C-alpha atoms as a PDB file:
ATOM      1  CA  MET A   1      23.985  21.545  14.705  1.00  0.00           C
ATOM      2  CA  VAL A   2      20.501  21.691  16.185  1.00  0.00           C
ATOM      3  CA  ILE A   3      18.177  19.188  14.925  1.00  0.00           C
ATOM      4  CA  VAL A   4      14.380  19.797  15.139  1.00  0.00           C
ATOM      5  CA  LEU A   5      11.875  16.986  14.527  1.00  0.00           C
ATOM      6  CA  LYS A   6       8.237  18.055  13.643  1.00  0.00           C
ATOM      7  CA  VAL A   7       5.408  15.899  15.013  1.00  0.00           C
ATOM      8  CA  CYS A   8       1.917  15.940  13.698  1.00  0.00           C
ATOM      9  CA  HIS A   9      -0.654  14.589  16.179  1.00  0.00           C
ATOM     10  CA  LEU A  10      -3.718  14.020  14.106  1.00  0.00           C
ATOM     11  CA  TYR A  11      -7.198  14.520  15.524  1.00  0.00           C
ATOM     12  CA  PRO A  12      -5.965  14.338  19.263  1.00  0.00           C
ATOM     13  CA  ASP A  13      -9.564  15.314  20.436  1.00  0.00           C
ATOM     14  CA  LEU A  14     -11.162  12.205  18.516  1.00  0.00           C
ATOM     15  CA  LEU A  15      -8.551   9.784  18.395  1.00  0.00           C
ATOM     16  CA  ASN A  16      -7.214   9.321  21.941  1.00  0.00           C
ATOM     17  CA  LEU A  17      -8.702   6.075  23.470  1.00  0.00           C
ATOM     18  CA  TYR A  18      -6.844   4.465  26.310  1.00  0.00           C
ATOM     19  CA  GLY A  19      -4.333   7.088  26.791  1.00  0.00           C
ATOM     20  CA  ASP A  20      -2.924   7.049  23.241  1.00  0.00           C
ATOM     21  CA  ARG A  21      -1.518  10.380  23.541  1.00  0.00           C
ATOM     22  CA  GLY A  22       1.270   8.786  25.633  1.00  0.00           C
ATOM     23  CA  ASN A  23       2.853   7.683  22.332  1.00  0.00           C
ATOM     24  CA  VAL A  24       3.561  11.298  21.463  1.00  0.00           C
ATOM     25  CA  ILE A  25       4.765  12.006  24.990  1.00  0.00           C
ATOM     26  CA  ALA A  26       7.314   8.993  24.806  1.00  0.00           C
ATOM     27  CA  PHE A  27       8.479  10.015  21.382  1.00  0.00           C
ATOM     28  CA  TYR A  28       9.083  13.632  22.533  1.00  0.00           C
ATOM     29  CA  ARG A  29      10.707  12.609  25.804  1.00  0.00           C
ATOM     30  CA  ARG A  30      13.178  10.013  24.291  1.00  0.00           C
ATOM     31  CA  CYS A  31      14.286  12.710  21.629  1.00  0.00           C
ATOM     32  CA  GLN A  32      14.597  15.344  24.512  1.00  0.00           C
ATOM     33  CA  TRP A  33      16.867  13.353  26.573  1.00  0.00           C
ATOM     34  CA  ARG A  34      19.113  13.058  23.762  1.00  0.00           C
ATOM     35  CA  GLY A  35      19.157  16.947  23.084  1.00  0.00           C
ATOM     36  CA  ILE A  36      16.777  16.635  19.981  1.00  0.00           C
ATOM     37  CA  GLU A  37      14.359  19.333  19.747  1.00  0.00           C
ATOM     38  CA  VAL A  38      10.778  18.387  18.935  1.00  0.00           C
ATOM     39  CA  LYS A  39       7.828  20.472  17.912  1.00  0.00           C
ATOM     40  CA  VAL A  40       4.581  19.008  18.256  1.00  0.00           C
ATOM     41  CA  GLU A  41       1.583  20.187  16.162  1.00  0.00           C
ATOM     42  CA  GLU A  42      -2.082  19.165  16.745  1.00  0.00           C
ATOM     43  CA  VAL A  43      -4.160  18.923  13.747  1.00  0.00           C
ATOM     44  CA  ASN A  44      -7.950  19.029  14.025  1.00  0.00           C
ATOM     45  CA  LEU A  45     -10.999  18.578  11.789  1.00  0.00           C
ATOM     46  CA  GLY A  46     -11.060  21.162   9.153  1.00  0.00           C
ATOM     47  CA  ASP A  47      -7.237  21.956   9.338  1.00  0.00           C
ATOM     48  CA  GLN A  48      -5.318  22.070   6.150  1.00  0.00           C
ATOM     49  CA  VAL A  49      -1.968  20.148   6.607  1.00  0.00           C
ATOM     50  CA  ASP A  50       1.164  19.420   4.623  1.00  0.00           C
ATOM     51  CA  PHE A  51       2.088  16.134   5.621  1.00  0.00           C
ATOM     52  CA  SER A  52       5.510  16.340   3.884  1.00  0.00           C
ATOM     53  CA  SER A  53       6.734  19.050   6.250  1.00  0.00           C
ATOM     54  CA  TYR A  54       6.494  16.503   9.263  1.00  0.00           C
ATOM     55  CA  ASP A  55       8.876  13.841  10.516  1.00  0.00           C
ATOM     56  CA  PHE A  56       6.525  11.793  12.491  1.00  0.00           C
ATOM     57  CA  LEU A  57       2.767  11.438  12.174  1.00  0.00           C
ATOM     58  CA  PHE A  58       0.583   9.752  14.946  1.00  0.00           C
ATOM     59  CA  MET A  59      -2.959   8.609  14.693  1.00  0.00           C
ATOM     60  CA  GLY A  60      -4.586   7.226  17.770  1.00  0.00           C
ATOM     61  CA  GLY A  61      -7.523   5.171  18.416  1.00  0.00           C
ATOM     62  CA  GLY A  62     -11.134   6.140  18.180  1.00  0.00           C
ATOM     63  CA  SER A  63     -14.653   4.616  18.162  1.00  0.00           C
ATOM     64  CA  ASP A  64     -16.097   3.120  14.843  1.00  0.00           C
ATOM     65  CA  ARG A  65     -18.617   5.583  14.205  1.00  0.00           C
ATOM     66  CA  GLU A  66     -16.047   8.423  13.918  1.00  0.00           C
ATOM     67  CA  GLN A  67     -14.254   6.622  10.978  1.00  0.00           C
ATOM     68  CA  ASN A  68     -16.656   8.068   8.404  1.00  0.00           C
ATOM     69  CA  LEU A  69     -16.249  11.633   9.557  1.00  0.00           C
ATOM     70  CA  LEU A  70     -12.444  11.475   9.737  1.00  0.00           C
ATOM     71  CA  ALA A  71     -12.141   9.659   6.264  1.00  0.00           C
ATOM     72  CA  SER A  72     -14.417  12.387   4.782  1.00  0.00           C
ATOM     73  CA  ASP A  73     -12.182  15.162   6.439  1.00  0.00           C
ATOM     74  CA  LEU A  74      -8.894  13.753   5.074  1.00  0.00           C
ATOM     75  CA  GLY A  75     -10.346  12.762   1.750  1.00  0.00           C
ATOM     76  CA  GLU A  76      -9.093  16.024   0.024  1.00  0.00           C
ATOM     77  CA  GLN A  77      -5.762  15.549   1.566  1.00  0.00           C
ATOM     78  CA  VAL A  78      -5.184  11.840   0.954  1.00  0.00           C
ATOM     79  CA  GLU A  79      -2.819  12.321  -2.005  1.00  0.00           C
ATOM     80  CA  ASN A  80      -0.736  14.542   0.184  1.00  0.00           C
ATOM     81  CA  LEU A  81      -0.395  11.941   2.832  1.00  0.00           C
ATOM     82  CA  LYS A  82       0.298   9.258   0.209  1.00  0.00           C
ATOM     83  CA  THR A  83       3.134  11.314  -1.129  1.00  0.00           C
ATOM     84  CA  ALA A  84       4.552  11.786   2.307  1.00  0.00           C
ATOM     85  CA  ILE A  85       4.374   8.092   3.129  1.00  0.00           C
ATOM     86  CA  GLU A  86       6.181   7.157  -0.053  1.00  0.00           C
ATOM     87  CA  ASP A  87       8.946   9.626   0.914  1.00  0.00           C
ATOM     88  CA  ASN A  88       9.213   7.579   4.067  1.00  0.00           C
ATOM     89  CA  LEU A  89       7.330   9.876   6.684  1.00  0.00           C
ATOM     90  CA  VAL A  90       7.263   7.948   9.980  1.00  0.00           C
ATOM     91  CA  VAL A  91       3.621   7.105  10.848  1.00  0.00           C
ATOM     92  CA  LEU A  92       2.329   5.300  13.914  1.00  0.00           C
ATOM     93  CA  ALA A  93      -1.365   4.400  13.542  1.00  0.00           C
ATOM     94  CA  ILE A  94      -3.184   2.839  16.596  1.00  0.00           C
ATOM     95  CA  CYS A  95      -6.522   0.783  16.462  1.00  0.00           C
ATOM     96  CA  GLY A  96      -8.986   3.385  14.710  1.00  0.00           C
ATOM     97  CA  GLY A  97      -6.208   5.228  13.163  1.00  0.00           C
ATOM     98  CA  TYR A  98      -4.889   1.839  11.807  1.00  0.00           C
ATOM     99  CA  GLN A  99      -8.344   0.919  10.394  1.00  0.00           C
ATOM    100  CA  LEU A 100      -8.635   4.433   8.771  1.00  0.00           C
ATOM    101  CA  LEU A 101      -5.538   3.821   6.604  1.00  0.00           C
ATOM    102  CA  GLY A 102      -7.115   0.761   5.007  1.00  0.00           C
ATOM    103  CA  LYS A 103      -9.773   0.108   2.446  1.00  0.00           C
ATOM    104  CA  TYR A 104     -12.928   0.007   4.501  1.00  0.00           C
ATOM    105  CA  TYR A 105     -14.686  -0.954   7.777  1.00  0.00           C
ATOM    106  CA  LEU A 106     -17.525  -3.538   7.190  1.00  0.00           C
ATOM    107  CA  MET A 107     -20.206  -2.705   9.660  1.00  0.00           C
ATOM    108  CA  PRO A 108     -22.417  -5.424  11.285  1.00  0.00           C
ATOM    109  CA  ASP A 109     -25.442  -4.361   8.810  1.00  0.00           C
ATOM    110  CA  GLY A 110     -23.306  -4.700   5.725  1.00  0.00           C
ATOM    111  CA  THR A 111     -22.609  -1.135   5.342  1.00  0.00           C
ATOM    112  CA  ARG A 112     -19.055  -0.187   4.141  1.00  0.00           C
ATOM    113  CA  VAL A 113     -17.462   2.711   5.954  1.00  0.00           C
ATOM    114  CA  PRO A 114     -14.691   3.897   3.513  1.00  0.00           C
ATOM    115  CA  GLY A 115     -11.127   4.197   4.667  1.00  0.00           C
ATOM    116  CA  LEU A 116      -8.460   6.329   3.073  1.00  0.00           C
ATOM    117  CA  GLY A 117      -7.425   3.350   0.998  1.00  0.00           C
ATOM    118  CA  ILE A 118      -3.674   4.023   1.372  1.00  0.00           C
ATOM    119  CA  LEU A 119      -2.761   0.461   2.562  1.00  0.00           C
ATOM    120  CA  ASP A 120      -4.118  -2.823   1.358  1.00  0.00           C
ATOM    121  CA  TYR A 121      -6.250  -4.261   4.170  1.00  0.00           C
ATOM    122  CA  TYR A 122      -9.708  -4.091   5.299  1.00  0.00           C
ATOM    123  CA  THR A 123     -11.607  -4.415   8.659  1.00  0.00           C
ATOM    124  CA  GLU A 124     -14.972  -5.949   9.439  1.00  0.00           C
ATOM    125  CA  ALA A 125     -16.973  -5.811  12.665  1.00  0.00           C
ATOM    126  CA  GLY A 126     -16.580  -9.090  14.803  1.00  0.00           C
ATOM    127  CA  ASN A 127     -19.122 -10.573  16.998  1.00  0.00           C
ATOM    128  CA  LYS A 128     -16.993 -10.279  20.126  1.00  0.00           C
ATOM    129  CA  ARG A 129     -14.333  -7.904  21.319  1.00  0.00           C
ATOM    130  CA  LEU A 130     -10.700  -8.948  21.310  1.00  0.00           C
ATOM    131  CA  ILE A 131      -9.361  -7.798  24.801  1.00  0.00           C
ATOM    132  CA  GLY A 132      -6.318  -8.544  26.784  1.00  0.00           C
ATOM    133  CA  ASN A 133      -2.597  -8.250  27.217  1.00  0.00           C
ATOM    134  CA  ILE A 134      -0.651  -9.160  24.043  1.00  0.00           C
ATOM    135  CA  ALA A 135       2.958  -9.892  23.105  1.00  0.00           C
ATOM    136  CA  VAL A 136       4.318  -9.651  19.527  1.00  0.00           C
ATOM    137  CA  ASN A 137       7.596 -10.622  17.741  1.00  0.00           C
ATOM    138  CA  LEU A 138       8.688  -8.284  15.111  1.00  0.00           C
ATOM    139  CA  GLN A 139      11.708  -7.126  13.236  1.00  0.00           C
ATOM    140  CA  MET A 140      13.178  -3.755  13.637  1.00  0.00           C
ATOM    141  CA  GLY A 141      15.891  -3.208  11.179  1.00  0.00           C
ATOM    142  CA  ASP A 142      18.498  -5.908  11.974  1.00  0.00           C
ATOM    143  CA  LYS A 143      17.207  -6.663  15.410  1.00  0.00           C
ATOM    144  CA  GLU A 144      14.460  -9.064  16.457  1.00  0.00           C
ATOM    145  CA  VAL A 145      12.223  -7.358  19.118  1.00  0.00           C
ATOM    146  CA  TYR A 146       9.513  -8.482  21.527  1.00  0.00           C
ATOM    147  CA  ILE A 147       6.946  -5.837  22.343  1.00  0.00           C
ATOM    148  CA  THR A 148       3.939  -5.897  24.734  1.00  0.00           C
ATOM    149  CA  GLY A 149       0.800  -3.999  24.982  1.00  0.00           C
ATOM    150  CA  PHE A 150      -3.004  -4.034  25.636  1.00  0.00           C
ATOM    151  CA  GLU A 151      -5.559  -4.734  22.712  1.00  0.00           C
ATOM    152  CA  ASN A 152      -9.314  -3.941  22.835  1.00  0.00           C
ATOM    153  CA  HIS A 153     -11.137  -3.895  19.442  1.00  0.00           C
ATOM    154  CA  GLY A 154     -14.245  -5.160  18.073  1.00  0.00           C
ATOM    155  CA  GLY A 155     -13.080  -4.971  14.482  1.00  0.00           C
ATOM    156  CA  LYS A 156     -11.083  -7.692  12.585  1.00  0.00           C
ATOM    157  CA  THR A 157      -8.475  -6.575  10.123  1.00  0.00           C
ATOM    158  CA  PHE A 158      -7.392  -8.850   7.229  1.00  0.00           C
ATOM    159  CA  LEU A 159      -4.317  -7.917   5.287  1.00  0.00           C
ATOM    160  CA  GLY A 160      -3.855  -7.999   1.667  1.00  0.00           C
ATOM    161  CA  SER A 161      -0.518  -7.495   0.088  1.00  0.00           C
ATOM    162  CA  VAL A 162       0.931  -5.358   2.906  1.00  0.00           C
ATOM    163  CA  GLU A 163       3.161  -6.920   5.547  1.00  0.00           C
ATOM    164  CA  PRO A 164       2.100  -7.626   9.124  1.00  0.00           C
ATOM    165  CA  LEU A 165       3.956  -5.609  11.790  1.00  0.00           C
ATOM    166  CA  GLY A 166       4.686  -8.861  13.743  1.00  0.00           C
ATOM    167  CA  LYS A 167       3.678 -12.195  14.698  1.00  0.00           C
ATOM    168  CA  VAL A 168       1.360 -12.800  17.773  1.00  0.00           C
ATOM    169  CA  MET A 169       3.095 -14.773  20.438  1.00  0.00           C
ATOM    170  CA  SER A 170       0.253 -14.374  23.102  1.00  0.00           C
ATOM    171  CA  GLY A 171      -2.979 -12.616  22.524  1.00  0.00           C
ATOM    172  CA  ASN A 172      -5.335 -12.103  19.389  1.00  0.00           C
ATOM    173  CA  GLY A 173      -3.743  -9.598  17.159  1.00  0.00           C
ATOM    174  CA  ASN A 174      -5.554  -8.458  13.825  1.00  0.00           C
ATOM    175  CA  ASN A 175      -8.444 -10.896  13.932  1.00  0.00           C
ATOM    176  CA  GLY A 176      -7.533 -13.734  16.413  1.00  0.00           C
ATOM    177  CA  THR A 177      -7.118 -16.250  13.683  1.00  0.00           C
ATOM    178  CA  ASP A 178      -4.175 -15.684  11.220  1.00  0.00           C
ATOM    179  CA  GLY A 179      -1.338 -14.937  13.990  1.00  0.00           C
ATOM    180  CA  HIS A 180      -0.649 -11.543  12.639  1.00  0.00           C
ATOM    181  CA  GLU A 181      -0.571  -8.141  14.395  1.00  0.00           C
ATOM    182  CA  GLY A 182      -0.586  -4.764  12.739  1.00  0.00           C
ATOM    183  CA  ALA A 183       0.775  -3.743   9.367  1.00  0.00           C
ATOM    184  CA  ARG A 184       3.939  -2.426   8.043  1.00  0.00           C
ATOM    185  CA  TYR A 185       4.693  -0.426   4.868  1.00  0.00           C
ATOM    186  CA  LYS A 186       7.952   1.512   4.492  1.00  0.00           C
ATOM    187  CA  ASN A 187       8.040   3.632   7.719  1.00  0.00           C
ATOM    188  CA  VAL A 188       4.186   3.189   8.490  1.00  0.00           C
ATOM    189  CA  PHE A 189       3.744   1.257  11.554  1.00  0.00           C
ATOM    190  CA  CYS A 190      -0.007   0.256  12.298  1.00  0.00           C
ATOM    191  CA  SER A 191      -1.068  -1.751  15.339  1.00  0.00           C
ATOM    192  CA  TYR A 192      -3.804  -2.568  17.750  1.00  0.00           C
ATOM    193  CA  LEU A 193      -1.602  -2.361  20.806  1.00  0.00           C
ATOM    194  CA  HIS A 194      -2.535   0.321  23.281  1.00  0.00           C
ATOM    195  CA  GLY A 195      -0.851   0.535  26.764  1.00  0.00           C
ATOM    196  CA  PRO A 196       0.317   3.053  25.183  1.00  0.00           C
ATOM    197  CA  LEU A 197       2.582   1.220  22.860  1.00  0.00           C
ATOM    198  CA  LEU A 198       5.674   3.307  22.777  1.00  0.00           C
ATOM    199  CA  PRO A 199       6.099   4.012  26.449  1.00  0.00           C
ATOM    200  CA  LYS A 200       6.009   0.167  27.041  1.00  0.00           C
ATOM    201  CA  ASN A 201       8.467  -0.471  24.233  1.00  0.00           C
ATOM    202  CA  ALA A 202      11.564   1.668  24.169  1.00  0.00           C
ATOM    203  CA  ALA A 203      13.088  -0.250  21.199  1.00  0.00           C
ATOM    204  CA  ILE A 204      10.493   0.473  18.686  1.00  0.00           C
ATOM    205  CA  THR A 205      10.299   4.062  19.850  1.00  0.00           C
ATOM    206  CA  ASP A 206      13.971   4.419  19.168  1.00  0.00           C
ATOM    207  CA  TYR A 207      13.606   2.886  15.887  1.00  0.00           C
ATOM    208  CA  MET A 208      11.077   5.335  14.723  1.00  0.00           C
ATOM    209  CA  ILE A 209      13.143   8.170  16.034  1.00  0.00           C
ATOM    210  CA  SER A 210      16.218   6.866  14.074  1.00  0.00           C
ATOM    211  CA  GLN A 211      13.966   6.486  10.937  1.00  0.00           C
ATOM    212  CA  ALA A 212      12.629  10.109  11.281  1.00  0.00           C
ATOM    213  CA  LEU A 213      16.354  11.380  11.824  1.00  0.00           C
ATOM    214  CA  LYS A 214      17.538   9.385   8.792  1.00  0.00           C
ATOM    215  CA  ARG A 215      15.225  11.317   6.403  1.00  0.00           C
ATOM    216  CA  ARG A 216      16.936  14.593   7.727  1.00  0.00           C
ATOM    217  CA  ASN A 217      20.483  13.265   8.021  1.00  0.00           C
ATOM    218  CA  LYS A 218      21.501   9.820   6.936  1.00  0.00           C
ATOM    219  CA  ASN A 219      24.701  10.140   9.061  1.00  0.00           C
ATOM    220  CA  PHE A 220      23.049  10.878  12.288  1.00  0.00           C
ATOM    221  CA  PHE A 221      23.766   8.607  14.974  1.00  0.00           C
ATOM    222  CA  LEU A 222      21.096   7.927  17.820  1.00  0.00           C
ATOM    223  CA  ASN A 223      22.945   7.403  21.055  1.00  0.00           C
ATOM    224  CA  ASP A 224      21.830   4.875  23.583  1.00  0.00           C
ATOM    225  CA  LEU A 225      19.874   5.748  26.776  1.00  0.00           C
ATOM    226  CA  ASP A 226      19.930   3.965  30.170  1.00  0.00           C
ATOM    227  CA  ASP A 227      16.836   1.628  29.534  1.00  0.00           C
ATOM    228  CA  THR A 228      17.367  -0.641  32.442  1.00  0.00           C
ATOM    229  CA  PHE A 229      13.866   0.057  33.968  1.00  0.00           C
ATOM    230  CA  GLU A 230      12.165  -0.153  30.623  1.00  0.00           C
ATOM    231  CA  LYS A 231      13.924  -3.438  29.708  1.00  0.00           C
ATOM    232  CA  ARG A 232      12.996  -4.885  33.112  1.00  0.00           C
ATOM    233  CA  ALA A 233       9.405  -3.857  32.769  1.00  0.00           C
ATOM    234  CA  ASN A 234       9.258  -5.418  29.348  1.00  0.00           C
ATOM    235  CA  SER A 235      10.898  -8.583  30.432  1.00  0.00           C
ATOM    236  CA  VAL A 236       8.555  -8.987  33.251  1.00  0.00           C
ATOM    237  CA  MET A 237       5.359  -8.767  31.082  1.00  0.00           C
ATOM    238  CA  LEU A 238       6.834 -11.091  28.399  1.00  0.00           C
ATOM    239  CA  GLU A 239       7.607 -13.754  31.211  1.00  0.00           C
ATOM    240  CA  ARG A 240       3.968 -13.333  32.409  1.00  0.00           C
ATOM    241  CA  LEU A 241       2.564 -13.762  28.902  1.00  0.00           C
ATOM    242  CA  LEU A 242       4.907 -16.363  27.462  1.00  0.00           C
END
């Protein structure tokens, strides 16, 4: 049986800071190497989209000034997205995409730029950028995983009822104070890690692929790949940071 996973790359022309498109490429390649077909569709401003028809949604990073524009464009489709998320759609949201899923972004002048309000957190502009390599400890299913990446964000995110993606081992994370990085709800993974995140961290890539496949066929088995190079690169960075 041929399995085809559908990937939605949301606003690739506006949300693609620091090579975030590489996350889609990593997802695609690690599926392809296993004989899993992937169809990538780009969704831009003004496009109508049925999020429930996709298996993986990617939202990359963008500048703060674009958030109002994107929130407005997605406003009429937010219930569609909420429904897909509740149905365990796999979502990876990086930096600006991460902030967009929250309640609002508080600008330095006190203006609240509305987010989509899907997840319970908010972001406020900081007085300095949080920049540098970062290492995070998180739980992926029954496995404890250490991931690495690069963060560069001026906004500070504060979580409400939603759980963090992981615990900061080295770096700043959401706001530089509470030790949390990212947010996690069902199959939604939010993070400030660029790098991009997925090419640097094969374990989390494969976990997202397995969760996408599980929505199609609960009995599908994801075979292992030879990740000798990837694991070595990850270990070197972890040793440097920790």
